[in-house]
Amino acid sequence: MVNIFSDEQELVKIKLNPKKKTVENANQYFSKYKQIAEKKQVIKLKKDTYQSELDEIKLMNQKLETANLKELLKLKEKLVQMNILQEHQAKKAVGSDLQYSFRRLILENRWDIYMGKNGVNNDLLTFSFANKWDIWMHAQGVPGSHIIIKVQSKDMSVPLSIIEQAAQIAAANSRAKHSGTVPVIYTQCRYVSRIRKALPGTVNVRNEKVIFVKPLLLNF
């Protein structure tokens, strides 16, 4: 058949299973295409994140050449936080230094997405690291990771494309990760609060919205 998507209009051969109907064969190829597209999306997300971290390390390497003792100690502390260096009695991270305590992805080379690893880590992410204007996400009705989209100021609007991708990540980091479609709730962090005497990571949420997405499995 002719490849209608090519300028050359070359002939291509497509293998079909004679035991299946035309629609079934077509659905099989569409399914493969979706799987490949999803894998490409995951690879791009990870590549962008690793490139950003590599650029950060290169910048620190440049600073090493002219750094004084005080600056060297700060660089060492940052490398410990990034788990590049190990120290037996490393100072406990606080505030913004906590960013290396969570899984992280960078969307569209701009938006930092952070993922909690367990109940205690979820609490740390939501109540110690995130600011009140950040966007908080969680798969609805099932155990899973807290997801944070970092927002630089309260006036900054998060694009829908970022909300959707972050929701896919939230769905994939939940008990519903193998479902076809998962409802994910999201709101600003200022509307998320602890529940007294509840297990770590258990929260009360207000003013939330719901988005339905397909989980994006990242395979960390």
N, C-alpha and C. Protein backbone atom coordinates (compact mmCIF):
# COMPACT_ATOMS: atom_id res chain seq x y z
N MET A 1 0.84 -1.18 0.00
CA MET A 1 0.00 0.00 0.00
C MET A 1 0.89 1.25 0.00
N VAL A 2 0.29 2.39 -0.39
CA VAL A 2 1.04 3.64 -0.47
C VAL A 2 1.09 4.31 0.91
N ASN A 3 2.26 4.81 1.27
CA ASN A 3 2.44 5.53 2.52
C ASN A 3 1.95 6.97 2.34
N ILE A 4 0.72 7.23 2.73
CA ILE A 4 0.11 8.55 2.51
C ILE A 4 0.70 9.63 3.42
N PHE A 5 1.49 9.22 4.43
CA PHE A 5 2.08 10.18 5.35
C PHE A 5 3.47 10.63 4.91
N SER A 6 3.95 10.12 3.80
CA SER A 6 5.29 10.44 3.30
C SER A 6 5.20 11.27 2.02
N ASP A 7 6.11 12.22 1.86
CA ASP A 7 6.15 13.03 0.63
C ASP A 7 6.50 12.18 -0.58
N GLU A 8 7.28 11.12 -0.36
CA GLU A 8 7.70 10.25 -1.47
C GLU A 8 6.60 9.29 -1.91
N GLN A 9 5.58 9.12 -1.05
CA GLN A 9 4.47 8.22 -1.37
C GLN A 9 4.94 6.81 -1.76
N GLU A 10 5.98 6.35 -1.05
CA GLU A 10 6.53 5.04 -1.38
C GLU A 10 5.58 3.91 -0.95
N LEU A 11 5.80 2.75 -1.55
CA LEU A 11 5.01 1.58 -1.20
C LEU A 11 5.58 0.94 0.06
N VAL A 12 4.71 0.53 0.96
CA VAL A 12 5.15 -0.15 2.18
C VAL A 12 4.35 -1.44 2.35
N LYS A 13 4.99 -2.39 3.04
CA LYS A 13 4.33 -3.65 3.32
C LYS A 13 3.96 -3.70 4.80
N ILE A 14 2.75 -4.09 5.09
CA ILE A 14 2.28 -4.21 6.47
C ILE A 14 1.86 -5.65 6.72
N LYS A 15 2.48 -6.26 7.71
CA LYS A 15 2.15 -7.64 8.03
C LYS A 15 0.81 -7.69 8.77
N LEU A 16 -0.07 -8.54 8.31
CA LEU A 16 -1.37 -8.70 8.93
C LEU A 16 -1.55 -10.15 9.38
N ASN A 17 -2.26 -10.32 10.44
CA ASN A 17 -2.56 -11.65 10.94
C ASN A 17 -3.83 -12.14 10.23
N PRO A 18 -3.70 -13.15 9.38
CA PRO A 18 -4.87 -13.62 8.61
C PRO A 18 -5.99 -14.17 9.47
N LYS A 19 -5.67 -14.51 10.72
CA LYS A 19 -6.68 -15.04 11.62
C LYS A 19 -7.53 -13.94 12.27
N LYS A 20 -7.10 -12.70 12.07
CA LYS A 20 -7.83 -11.59 12.68
C LYS A 20 -8.54 -10.76 11.62
N LYS A 21 -9.58 -10.07 12.05
CA LYS A 21 -10.30 -9.18 11.16
C LYS A 21 -9.48 -7.92 10.90
N THR A 22 -9.85 -7.17 9.85
CA THR A 22 -9.13 -5.95 9.50
C THR A 22 -9.10 -4.97 10.67
N VAL A 23 -10.24 -4.80 11.35
CA VAL A 23 -10.30 -3.88 12.49
C VAL A 23 -9.39 -4.34 13.61
N GLU A 24 -9.32 -5.65 13.83
CA GLU A 24 -8.46 -6.18 14.89
C GLU A 24 -6.99 -5.95 14.57
N ASN A 25 -6.61 -6.13 13.30
CA ASN A 25 -5.24 -5.85 12.90
C ASN A 25 -4.90 -4.37 13.07
N ALA A 26 -5.85 -3.52 12.66
CA ALA A 26 -5.64 -2.08 12.79
C ALA A 26 -5.48 -1.67 14.26
N ASN A 27 -6.34 -2.23 15.13
CA ASN A 27 -6.27 -1.91 16.55
C ASN A 27 -4.94 -2.35 17.16
N GLN A 28 -4.41 -3.49 16.67
CA GLN A 28 -3.13 -3.98 17.16
C GLN A 28 -2.01 -2.98 16.84
N TYR A 29 -2.02 -2.43 15.62
CA TYR A 29 -0.99 -1.46 15.24
C TYR A 29 -1.17 -0.13 15.97
N PHE A 30 -2.40 0.29 16.17
CA PHE A 30 -2.65 1.51 16.93
C PHE A 30 -2.17 1.36 18.37
N SER A 31 -2.36 0.18 18.94
CA SER A 31 -1.92 -0.09 20.30
C SER A 31 -0.39 -0.02 20.39
N LYS A 32 0.28 -0.59 19.39
CA LYS A 32 1.74 -0.54 19.37
C LYS A 32 2.24 0.90 19.25
N TYR A 33 1.54 1.67 18.41
CA TYR A 33 1.92 3.08 18.24
C TYR A 33 1.79 3.84 19.56
N LYS A 34 0.71 3.61 20.30
CA LYS A 34 0.50 4.29 21.57
C LYS A 34 1.59 3.91 22.57
N GLN A 35 1.97 2.64 22.57
CA GLN A 35 3.02 2.19 23.49
C GLN A 35 4.35 2.86 23.16
N ILE A 36 4.66 2.95 21.86
CA ILE A 36 5.92 3.59 21.44
C ILE A 36 5.89 5.09 21.79
N ALA A 37 4.75 5.74 21.55
CA ALA A 37 4.62 7.17 21.85
C ALA A 37 4.79 7.43 23.35
N GLU A 38 4.23 6.54 24.17
CA GLU A 38 4.36 6.69 25.62
C GLU A 38 5.79 6.49 26.07
N LYS A 39 6.48 5.50 25.49
CA LYS A 39 7.89 5.27 25.84
C LYS A 39 8.75 6.47 25.46
N LYS A 40 8.46 7.08 24.29
CA LYS A 40 9.19 8.26 23.86
C LYS A 40 8.97 9.42 24.84
N GLN A 41 7.75 9.54 25.34
CA GLN A 41 7.44 10.60 26.30
C GLN A 41 8.23 10.40 27.59
N VAL A 42 8.28 9.15 28.07
CA VAL A 42 9.02 8.85 29.30
C VAL A 42 10.50 9.12 29.11
N ILE A 43 11.05 8.69 27.98
CA ILE A 43 12.47 8.90 27.71
C ILE A 43 12.80 10.39 27.68
N LYS A 44 11.94 11.19 27.05
CA LYS A 44 12.17 12.64 26.98
C LYS A 44 12.13 13.27 28.37
N LEU A 45 11.16 12.87 29.20
CA LEU A 45 11.07 13.40 30.55
C LEU A 45 12.34 13.11 31.34
N LYS A 46 12.79 11.87 31.27
CA LYS A 46 14.00 11.50 32.01
C LYS A 46 15.23 12.19 31.44
N LYS A 47 15.32 12.29 30.12
CA LYS A 47 16.46 12.95 29.48
C LYS A 47 16.55 14.40 29.90
N ASP A 48 15.42 15.12 29.88
CA ASP A 48 15.40 16.53 30.27
C ASP A 48 15.84 16.70 31.72
N THR A 49 15.37 15.78 32.58
CA THR A 49 15.73 15.85 34.00
C THR A 49 17.21 15.61 34.20
N TYR A 50 17.74 14.55 33.58
CA TYR A 50 19.16 14.23 33.73
C TYR A 50 20.04 15.33 33.16
N GLN A 51 19.59 15.95 32.04
CA GLN A 51 20.37 17.02 31.44
C GLN A 51 20.44 18.23 32.37
N SER A 52 19.31 18.53 33.02
CA SER A 52 19.29 19.65 33.96
C SER A 52 20.22 19.39 35.14
N GLU A 53 20.19 18.17 35.66
CA GLU A 53 21.07 17.82 36.78
C GLU A 53 22.53 17.84 36.35
N LEU A 54 22.81 17.39 35.13
CA LEU A 54 24.17 17.42 34.61
C LEU A 54 24.67 18.85 34.47
N ASP A 55 23.81 19.75 33.97
CA ASP A 55 24.19 21.16 33.85
C ASP A 55 24.50 21.75 35.22
N GLU A 56 23.73 21.35 36.22
CA GLU A 56 23.96 21.83 37.58
C GLU A 56 25.31 21.36 38.12
N ILE A 57 25.64 20.11 37.84
CA ILE A 57 26.92 19.56 38.29
C ILE A 57 28.08 20.23 37.56
N LYS A 58 27.92 20.49 36.27
CA LYS A 58 28.96 21.18 35.50
C LYS A 58 29.22 22.58 36.06
N LEU A 59 28.13 23.26 36.45
CA LEU A 59 28.27 24.60 37.02
C LEU A 59 29.03 24.55 38.34
N MET A 60 28.74 23.54 39.15
CA MET A 60 29.46 23.39 40.42
C MET A 60 30.94 23.08 40.17
N ASN A 61 31.20 22.30 39.13
CA ASN A 61 32.58 21.96 38.78
C ASN A 61 33.37 23.21 38.39
N GLN A 62 32.72 24.12 37.67
CA GLN A 62 33.36 25.38 37.30
C GLN A 62 33.67 26.23 38.54
N LYS A 63 32.74 26.22 39.50
CA LYS A 63 32.94 27.00 40.72
C LYS A 63 34.09 26.48 41.56
N LEU A 64 34.37 25.17 41.44
CA LEU A 64 35.46 24.57 42.21
C LEU A 64 36.81 25.21 41.91
N GLU A 65 36.98 25.68 40.68
CA GLU A 65 38.27 26.22 40.25
C GLU A 65 38.65 27.50 40.99
N THR A 66 37.65 28.29 41.40
CA THR A 66 37.95 29.57 42.04
C THR A 66 37.35 29.69 43.45
N ALA A 67 36.76 28.61 43.95
CA ALA A 67 36.05 28.67 45.24
C ALA A 67 37.02 28.80 46.41
N ASN A 68 36.62 29.60 47.43
CA ASN A 68 37.38 29.66 48.67
C ASN A 68 36.89 28.56 49.60
N LEU A 69 37.43 28.49 50.80
CA LEU A 69 37.11 27.39 51.71
C LEU A 69 35.62 27.37 52.06
N LYS A 70 35.05 28.54 52.31
CA LYS A 70 33.63 28.62 52.68
C LYS A 70 32.75 28.11 51.53
N GLU A 71 33.10 28.52 50.32
CA GLU A 71 32.33 28.10 49.14
C GLU A 71 32.49 26.61 48.88
N LEU A 72 33.69 26.08 49.13
CA LEU A 72 33.93 24.64 48.96
C LEU A 72 33.07 23.82 49.93
N LEU A 73 32.93 24.31 51.17
CA LEU A 73 32.10 23.60 52.15
C LEU A 73 30.63 23.60 51.72
N LYS A 74 30.18 24.70 51.12
CA LYS A 74 28.80 24.76 50.63
C LYS A 74 28.59 23.80 49.47
N LEU A 75 29.59 23.73 48.58
CA LEU A 75 29.49 22.80 47.45
C LEU A 75 29.48 21.35 47.95
N LYS A 76 30.30 21.08 48.95
CA LYS A 76 30.34 19.73 49.52
C LYS A 76 28.98 19.37 50.12
N GLU A 77 28.39 20.32 50.85
CA GLU A 77 27.09 20.08 51.47
C GLU A 77 26.03 19.78 50.42
N LYS A 78 26.08 20.52 49.31
CA LYS A 78 25.10 20.30 48.24
C LYS A 78 25.29 18.94 47.59
N LEU A 79 26.54 18.52 47.39
CA LEU A 79 26.82 17.21 46.79
C LEU A 79 26.37 16.08 47.70
N VAL A 80 26.45 16.30 49.02
CA VAL A 80 25.94 15.32 49.98
C VAL A 80 24.43 15.21 49.86
N GLN A 81 23.76 16.37 49.75
CA GLN A 81 22.30 16.37 49.60
C GLN A 81 21.86 15.69 48.32
N MET A 82 22.68 15.81 47.27
CA MET A 82 22.36 15.19 45.98
C MET A 82 22.72 13.71 45.93
N ASN A 83 23.27 13.20 47.05
CA ASN A 83 23.69 11.79 47.15
C ASN A 83 24.85 11.46 46.21
N ILE A 84 25.61 12.49 45.81
CA ILE A 84 26.80 12.27 45.00
C ILE A 84 27.99 11.99 45.91
N LEU A 85 28.03 12.67 47.06
CA LEU A 85 29.01 12.39 48.09
C LEU A 85 28.30 11.78 49.29
N GLN A 86 29.02 10.96 50.06
CA GLN A 86 28.45 10.38 51.26
C GLN A 86 29.19 10.92 52.48
N GLU A 87 28.43 11.15 53.55
CA GLU A 87 29.00 11.65 54.78
C GLU A 87 28.28 10.97 55.93
N HIS A 88 29.04 10.45 56.88
CA HIS A 88 28.43 9.67 57.97
C HIS A 88 27.47 10.49 58.81
N GLN A 89 27.81 11.76 59.05
CA GLN A 89 26.96 12.59 59.88
C GLN A 89 26.57 13.85 59.12
N ALA A 90 25.96 13.62 57.98
CA ALA A 90 25.53 14.76 57.16
C ALA A 90 24.44 15.55 57.89
N LYS A 91 24.52 16.86 57.79
CA LYS A 91 23.54 17.72 58.44
C LYS A 91 22.15 17.48 57.84
N LYS A 92 21.16 17.41 58.67
CA LYS A 92 19.80 17.17 58.21
C LYS A 92 19.33 18.33 57.33
N ALA A 93 18.82 18.00 56.16
CA ALA A 93 18.39 19.03 55.22
C ALA A 93 17.10 19.69 55.70
N VAL A 94 16.99 20.99 55.43
CA VAL A 94 15.77 21.73 55.77
C VAL A 94 15.39 22.62 54.60
N GLY A 95 14.12 23.03 54.59
CA GLY A 95 13.68 23.99 53.58
C GLY A 95 13.93 23.52 52.17
N SER A 96 14.47 24.44 51.34
CA SER A 96 14.69 24.14 49.93
C SER A 96 15.72 23.04 49.72
N ASP A 97 16.59 22.80 50.74
CA ASP A 97 17.60 21.76 50.62
C ASP A 97 16.97 20.36 50.55
N LEU A 98 15.69 20.27 50.89
CA LEU A 98 15.01 18.98 50.87
C LEU A 98 14.74 18.46 49.47
N GLN A 99 14.99 19.27 48.45
CA GLN A 99 14.62 18.88 47.09
C GLN A 99 15.26 17.57 46.65
N TYR A 100 16.40 17.21 47.23
CA TYR A 100 17.07 15.97 46.84
C TYR A 100 16.57 14.76 47.62
N SER A 101 15.57 14.98 48.46
CA SER A 101 15.00 13.88 49.24
C SER A 101 13.88 13.16 48.50
N PHE A 102 13.49 13.68 47.33
CA PHE A 102 12.35 13.13 46.61
C PHE A 102 12.74 12.79 45.17
N ARG A 103 11.91 11.96 44.54
CA ARG A 103 12.07 11.76 43.10
C ARG A 103 11.69 13.05 42.39
N ARG A 104 12.38 13.33 41.28
CA ARG A 104 12.12 14.61 40.60
C ARG A 104 12.14 14.42 39.10
N LEU A 105 11.25 15.12 38.42
CA LEU A 105 11.25 15.21 36.97
C LEU A 105 11.08 16.67 36.57
N ILE A 106 11.54 17.00 35.37
CA ILE A 106 11.38 18.36 34.87
C ILE A 106 10.56 18.28 33.59
N LEU A 107 9.42 18.97 33.57
CA LEU A 107 8.53 18.95 32.42
C LEU A 107 8.73 20.21 31.58
N GLU A 108 8.87 19.98 30.26
CA GLU A 108 9.03 21.07 29.29
C GLU A 108 10.17 22.01 29.67
N ASN A 109 11.22 21.43 30.28
CA ASN A 109 12.45 22.16 30.63
C ASN A 109 12.21 23.33 31.58
N ARG A 110 11.09 23.30 32.30
CA ARG A 110 10.77 24.45 33.16
C ARG A 110 10.12 24.08 34.47
N TRP A 111 9.22 23.09 34.45
CA TRP A 111 8.40 22.81 35.61
C TRP A 111 8.96 21.64 36.41
N ASP A 112 9.34 21.89 37.66
CA ASP A 112 9.86 20.84 38.54
C ASP A 112 8.71 20.07 39.18
N ILE A 113 8.74 18.75 39.02
CA ILE A 113 7.74 17.86 39.60
C ILE A 113 8.43 16.99 40.64
N TYR A 114 7.90 16.96 41.86
CA TYR A 114 8.48 16.15 42.93
C TYR A 114 7.49 15.09 43.37
N MET A 115 8.02 13.89 43.67
CA MET A 115 7.19 12.74 44.03
C MET A 115 7.62 12.16 45.37
N GLY A 116 6.67 11.98 46.26
CA GLY A 116 6.97 11.34 47.53
C GLY A 116 7.21 9.85 47.36
N LYS A 117 8.00 9.27 48.26
CA LYS A 117 8.37 7.85 48.14
C LYS A 117 7.55 6.94 49.06
N ASN A 118 7.08 7.48 50.18
CA ASN A 118 6.29 6.70 51.13
C ASN A 118 5.52 7.69 52.01
N GLY A 119 4.81 7.18 53.03
CA GLY A 119 4.00 8.05 53.86
C GLY A 119 4.78 9.16 54.53
N VAL A 120 5.87 8.82 55.17
CA VAL A 120 6.69 9.81 55.86
C VAL A 120 7.28 10.81 54.86
N ASN A 121 7.77 10.29 53.74
CA ASN A 121 8.34 11.15 52.70
C ASN A 121 7.27 12.05 52.09
N ASN A 122 6.04 11.54 51.96
CA ASN A 122 4.93 12.35 51.47
C ASN A 122 4.69 13.55 52.39
N ASP A 123 4.69 13.29 53.70
CA ASP A 123 4.50 14.37 54.67
C ASP A 123 5.61 15.42 54.54
N LEU A 124 6.82 14.95 54.40
CA LEU A 124 7.97 15.84 54.28
C LEU A 124 7.83 16.72 53.03
N LEU A 125 7.41 16.10 51.93
CA LEU A 125 7.24 16.82 50.66
C LEU A 125 6.15 17.88 50.77
N THR A 126 5.00 17.50 51.29
CA THR A 126 3.84 18.39 51.31
C THR A 126 3.93 19.48 52.37
N PHE A 127 4.45 19.14 53.55
CA PHE A 127 4.37 20.08 54.67
C PHE A 127 5.70 20.74 55.05
N SER A 128 6.82 20.25 54.52
CA SER A 128 8.11 20.86 54.85
C SER A 128 8.81 21.47 53.64
N PHE A 129 8.56 20.91 52.46
CA PHE A 129 9.26 21.38 51.26
C PHE A 129 8.39 22.30 50.39
N ALA A 130 7.17 21.89 50.13
CA ALA A 130 6.30 22.66 49.23
C ALA A 130 5.90 24.00 49.86
N ASN A 131 5.69 25.00 49.00
CA ASN A 131 5.13 26.25 49.50
C ASN A 131 3.62 26.25 49.22
N LYS A 132 2.90 27.18 49.81
CA LYS A 132 1.43 27.12 49.76
C LYS A 132 0.85 27.34 48.38
N TRP A 133 1.65 27.89 47.44
CA TRP A 133 1.15 28.13 46.09
C TRP A 133 1.44 26.97 45.16
N ASP A 134 2.26 26.01 45.60
CA ASP A 134 2.54 24.85 44.76
C ASP A 134 1.27 24.05 44.53
N ILE A 135 1.25 23.29 43.43
CA ILE A 135 0.10 22.44 43.13
C ILE A 135 0.35 21.04 43.70
N TRP A 136 -0.61 20.56 44.47
CA TRP A 136 -0.54 19.24 45.11
C TRP A 136 -1.46 18.28 44.37
N MET A 137 -0.99 17.04 44.17
CA MET A 137 -1.78 16.03 43.44
C MET A 137 -1.72 14.68 44.13
N HIS A 138 -2.76 13.90 43.88
CA HIS A 138 -2.80 12.53 44.41
C HIS A 138 -3.89 11.75 43.67
N ALA A 139 -3.63 10.50 43.36
CA ALA A 139 -4.66 9.64 42.77
C ALA A 139 -5.81 9.53 43.75
N GLN A 140 -7.01 9.65 43.25
CA GLN A 140 -8.20 9.71 44.12
C GLN A 140 -8.60 8.33 44.63
N GLY A 141 -8.76 8.25 45.95
CA GLY A 141 -9.34 7.05 46.55
C GLY A 141 -8.43 5.85 46.71
N VAL A 142 -7.12 5.99 46.39
CA VAL A 142 -6.19 4.87 46.52
C VAL A 142 -4.88 5.37 47.13
N PRO A 143 -4.13 4.47 47.80
CA PRO A 143 -2.81 4.88 48.31
C PRO A 143 -1.88 5.25 47.16
N GLY A 144 -0.99 6.20 47.43
CA GLY A 144 -0.05 6.61 46.40
C GLY A 144 0.83 7.76 46.85
N SER A 145 1.67 8.21 45.94
CA SER A 145 2.60 9.29 46.23
C SER A 145 1.90 10.65 46.18
N HIS A 146 2.35 11.56 47.05
CA HIS A 146 2.00 12.95 46.88
C HIS A 146 2.86 13.50 45.74
N ILE A 147 2.27 14.30 44.88
CA ILE A 147 2.99 14.91 43.77
C ILE A 147 2.89 16.43 43.91
N ILE A 148 4.01 17.10 43.74
CA ILE A 148 4.06 18.56 43.84
C ILE A 148 4.57 19.16 42.53
N ILE A 149 3.84 20.15 42.02
CA ILE A 149 4.33 20.97 40.92
C ILE A 149 4.81 22.29 41.54
N LYS A 150 6.10 22.57 41.45
CA LYS A 150 6.65 23.79 42.04
C LYS A 150 6.19 25.01 41.24
N VAL A 151 5.71 26.00 41.98
CA VAL A 151 5.25 27.25 41.38
C VAL A 151 6.07 28.38 42.00
N GLN A 152 6.67 29.22 41.17
CA GLN A 152 7.58 30.24 41.67
C GLN A 152 6.88 31.40 42.36
N SER A 153 5.65 31.68 42.00
CA SER A 153 4.91 32.77 42.65
C SER A 153 3.42 32.47 42.58
N LYS A 154 2.65 33.12 43.44
CA LYS A 154 1.22 32.84 43.51
C LYS A 154 0.47 33.28 42.26
N ASP A 155 1.07 34.17 41.49
CA ASP A 155 0.43 34.65 40.27
C ASP A 155 0.73 33.79 39.05
N MET A 156 1.61 32.82 39.21
CA MET A 156 2.01 31.98 38.08
C MET A 156 0.96 30.91 37.82
N SER A 157 0.51 30.83 36.59
CA SER A 157 -0.50 29.84 36.20
C SER A 157 0.18 28.62 35.60
N VAL A 158 -0.23 27.44 36.05
CA VAL A 158 0.34 26.19 35.53
C VAL A 158 -0.46 25.76 34.31
N PRO A 159 0.20 25.56 33.16
CA PRO A 159 -0.51 25.16 31.94
C PRO A 159 -1.23 23.81 32.10
N LEU A 160 -2.32 23.64 31.39
CA LEU A 160 -3.08 22.39 31.47
C LEU A 160 -2.23 21.20 31.05
N SER A 161 -1.33 21.40 30.08
CA SER A 161 -0.47 20.30 29.63
C SER A 161 0.41 19.78 30.77
N ILE A 162 0.85 20.68 31.64
CA ILE A 162 1.67 20.29 32.79
C ILE A 162 0.81 19.59 33.84
N ILE A 163 -0.40 20.12 34.07
CA ILE A 163 -1.33 19.48 34.99
C ILE A 163 -1.60 18.04 34.55
N GLU A 164 -1.84 17.84 33.26
CA GLU A 164 -2.16 16.51 32.74
C GLU A 164 -0.98 15.56 32.90
N GLN A 165 0.22 16.02 32.55
CA GLN A 165 1.40 15.15 32.66
C GLN A 165 1.69 14.80 34.12
N ALA A 166 1.59 15.79 35.00
CA ALA A 166 1.83 15.53 36.41
C ALA A 166 0.77 14.58 36.97
N ALA A 167 -0.47 14.71 36.50
CA ALA A 167 -1.53 13.80 36.93
C ALA A 167 -1.25 12.38 36.46
N GLN A 168 -0.71 12.23 35.25
CA GLN A 168 -0.33 10.91 34.76
C GLN A 168 0.74 10.29 35.66
N ILE A 169 1.65 11.12 36.13
CA ILE A 169 2.72 10.65 37.03
C ILE A 169 2.13 10.27 38.38
N ALA A 170 1.17 11.08 38.87
CA ALA A 170 0.51 10.75 40.13
C ALA A 170 -0.23 9.42 40.03
N ALA A 171 -0.92 9.21 38.92
CA ALA A 171 -1.64 7.95 38.71
C ALA A 171 -0.69 6.76 38.68
N ALA A 172 0.46 6.96 38.02
CA ALA A 172 1.44 5.87 37.91
C ALA A 172 2.12 5.57 39.24
N ASN A 173 2.13 6.53 40.15
CA ASN A 173 2.73 6.33 41.46
C ASN A 173 1.65 6.08 42.51
N SER A 174 0.68 5.27 42.12
CA SER A 174 -0.41 4.93 43.03
C SER A 174 -0.79 3.46 42.88
N ARG A 175 -1.67 3.01 43.75
CA ARG A 175 -2.13 1.62 43.70
C ARG A 175 -2.93 1.35 42.42
N ALA A 176 -3.36 2.41 41.74
CA ALA A 176 -4.18 2.26 40.52
C ALA A 176 -3.35 2.35 39.24
N LYS A 177 -2.05 2.16 39.35
CA LYS A 177 -1.15 2.38 38.21
C LYS A 177 -1.42 1.47 37.01
N HIS A 178 -2.08 0.34 37.22
CA HIS A 178 -2.36 -0.57 36.10
C HIS A 178 -3.78 -0.39 35.55
N SER A 179 -4.50 0.62 36.03
CA SER A 179 -5.84 0.90 35.52
C SER A 179 -5.75 1.65 34.20
N GLY A 180 -6.80 1.56 33.41
CA GLY A 180 -6.81 2.26 32.13
C GLY A 180 -6.91 3.76 32.30
N THR A 181 -7.81 4.20 33.19
CA THR A 181 -8.01 5.61 33.48
C THR A 181 -8.11 5.80 34.98
N VAL A 182 -7.45 6.84 35.50
CA VAL A 182 -7.40 7.07 36.94
C VAL A 182 -7.83 8.51 37.25
N PRO A 183 -8.76 8.71 38.19
CA PRO A 183 -9.07 10.07 38.63
C PRO A 183 -7.98 10.58 39.57
N VAL A 184 -7.50 11.79 39.30
CA VAL A 184 -6.46 12.40 40.12
C VAL A 184 -6.98 13.75 40.63
N ILE A 185 -6.87 13.98 41.93
CA ILE A 185 -7.30 15.25 42.50
C ILE A 185 -6.10 16.19 42.60
N TYR A 186 -6.38 17.49 42.47
CA TYR A 186 -5.29 18.46 42.62
C TYR A 186 -5.84 19.77 43.18
N THR A 187 -4.98 20.47 43.90
CA THR A 187 -5.33 21.74 44.51
C THR A 187 -4.04 22.44 44.92
N GLN A 188 -4.12 23.66 45.41
CA GLN A 188 -2.93 24.32 45.94
C GLN A 188 -2.59 23.72 47.31
N CYS A 189 -1.31 23.72 47.63
CA CYS A 189 -0.86 23.09 48.88
C CYS A 189 -1.49 23.73 50.12
N ARG A 190 -1.89 24.99 50.01
CA ARG A 190 -2.49 25.65 51.18
C ARG A 190 -3.83 25.03 51.56
N TYR A 191 -4.40 24.23 50.68
CA TYR A 191 -5.67 23.58 50.97
C TYR A 191 -5.50 22.12 51.41
N VAL A 192 -4.26 21.73 51.68
CA VAL A 192 -3.97 20.37 52.14
C VAL A 192 -3.52 20.44 53.60
N SER A 193 -4.12 19.62 54.45
CA SER A 193 -3.77 19.65 55.87
C SER A 193 -3.65 18.24 56.43
N ARG A 194 -2.89 18.13 57.50
CA ARG A 194 -2.73 16.84 58.17
C ARG A 194 -4.02 16.45 58.88
N ILE A 195 -4.18 15.15 59.07
CA ILE A 195 -5.30 14.63 59.88
C ILE A 195 -4.71 14.15 61.20
N ARG A 196 -5.19 14.70 62.27
CA ARG A 196 -4.63 14.41 63.59
C ARG A 196 -4.69 12.92 63.91
N LYS A 197 -3.57 12.39 64.35
CA LYS A 197 -3.40 10.99 64.77
C LYS A 197 -3.55 9.99 63.61
N ALA A 198 -3.59 10.48 62.38
CA ALA A 198 -3.69 9.57 61.22
C ALA A 198 -2.30 9.12 60.80
N LEU A 199 -2.22 8.10 59.97
CA LEU A 199 -0.94 7.59 59.48
C LEU A 199 -0.23 8.65 58.65
N PRO A 200 1.11 8.62 58.60
CA PRO A 200 1.86 9.58 57.78
C PRO A 200 1.38 9.55 56.33
N GLY A 201 1.27 10.71 55.73
CA GLY A 201 0.83 10.80 54.34
C GLY A 201 -0.67 10.92 54.18
N THR A 202 -1.43 10.74 55.27
CA THR A 202 -2.88 10.87 55.21
C THR A 202 -3.26 12.34 55.41
N VAL A 203 -4.04 12.88 54.48
CA VAL A 203 -4.32 14.32 54.52
C VAL A 203 -5.79 14.61 54.27
N ASN A 204 -6.16 15.82 54.61
CA ASN A 204 -7.48 16.35 54.28
C ASN A 204 -7.29 17.39 53.18
N VAL A 205 -8.16 17.35 52.15
CA VAL A 205 -8.01 18.22 50.98
C VAL A 205 -9.27 19.03 50.76
N ARG A 206 -9.10 20.32 50.45
CA ARG A 206 -10.22 21.19 50.14
C ARG A 206 -10.02 21.85 48.77
N ASN A 207 -11.11 22.33 48.20
CA ASN A 207 -11.08 23.08 46.93
C ASN A 207 -10.37 22.30 45.81
N GLU A 208 -10.51 21.01 45.83
CA GLU A 208 -9.81 20.19 44.83
C GLU A 208 -10.59 20.10 43.52
N LYS A 209 -9.85 19.84 42.47
CA LYS A 209 -10.43 19.52 41.17
C LYS A 209 -10.04 18.09 40.81
N VAL A 210 -10.75 17.49 39.84
CA VAL A 210 -10.46 16.11 39.44
C VAL A 210 -10.16 16.08 37.94
N ILE A 211 -9.13 15.33 37.59
CA ILE A 211 -8.79 15.12 36.18
C ILE A 211 -8.61 13.62 35.97
N PHE A 212 -9.10 13.10 34.85
CA PHE A 212 -9.00 11.67 34.55
C PHE A 212 -7.88 11.47 33.53
N VAL A 213 -6.93 10.60 33.86
CA VAL A 213 -5.76 10.40 33.00
C VAL A 213 -5.37 8.94 32.94
N LYS A 214 -4.57 8.63 31.95
CA LYS A 214 -3.94 7.30 31.86
C LYS A 214 -2.59 7.36 32.56
N PRO A 215 -2.29 6.39 33.45
CA PRO A 215 -0.99 6.42 34.14
C PRO A 215 0.19 6.39 33.17
N LEU A 216 1.23 7.18 33.49
CA LEU A 216 2.44 7.21 32.71
C LEU A 216 3.52 6.52 33.52
N LEU A 217 3.78 5.24 33.23
CA LEU A 217 4.71 4.45 34.03
C LEU A 217 6.14 4.86 33.73
N LEU A 218 6.87 5.33 34.75
CA LEU A 218 8.22 5.86 34.57
C LEU A 218 9.29 4.83 34.89
N ASN A 219 8.93 3.81 35.67
CA ASN A 219 9.89 2.74 36.00
C ASN A 219 11.17 3.28 36.62
N PHE A 220 11.04 3.99 37.74
CA PHE A 220 12.22 4.50 38.45
C PHE A 220 13.00 3.32 39.03
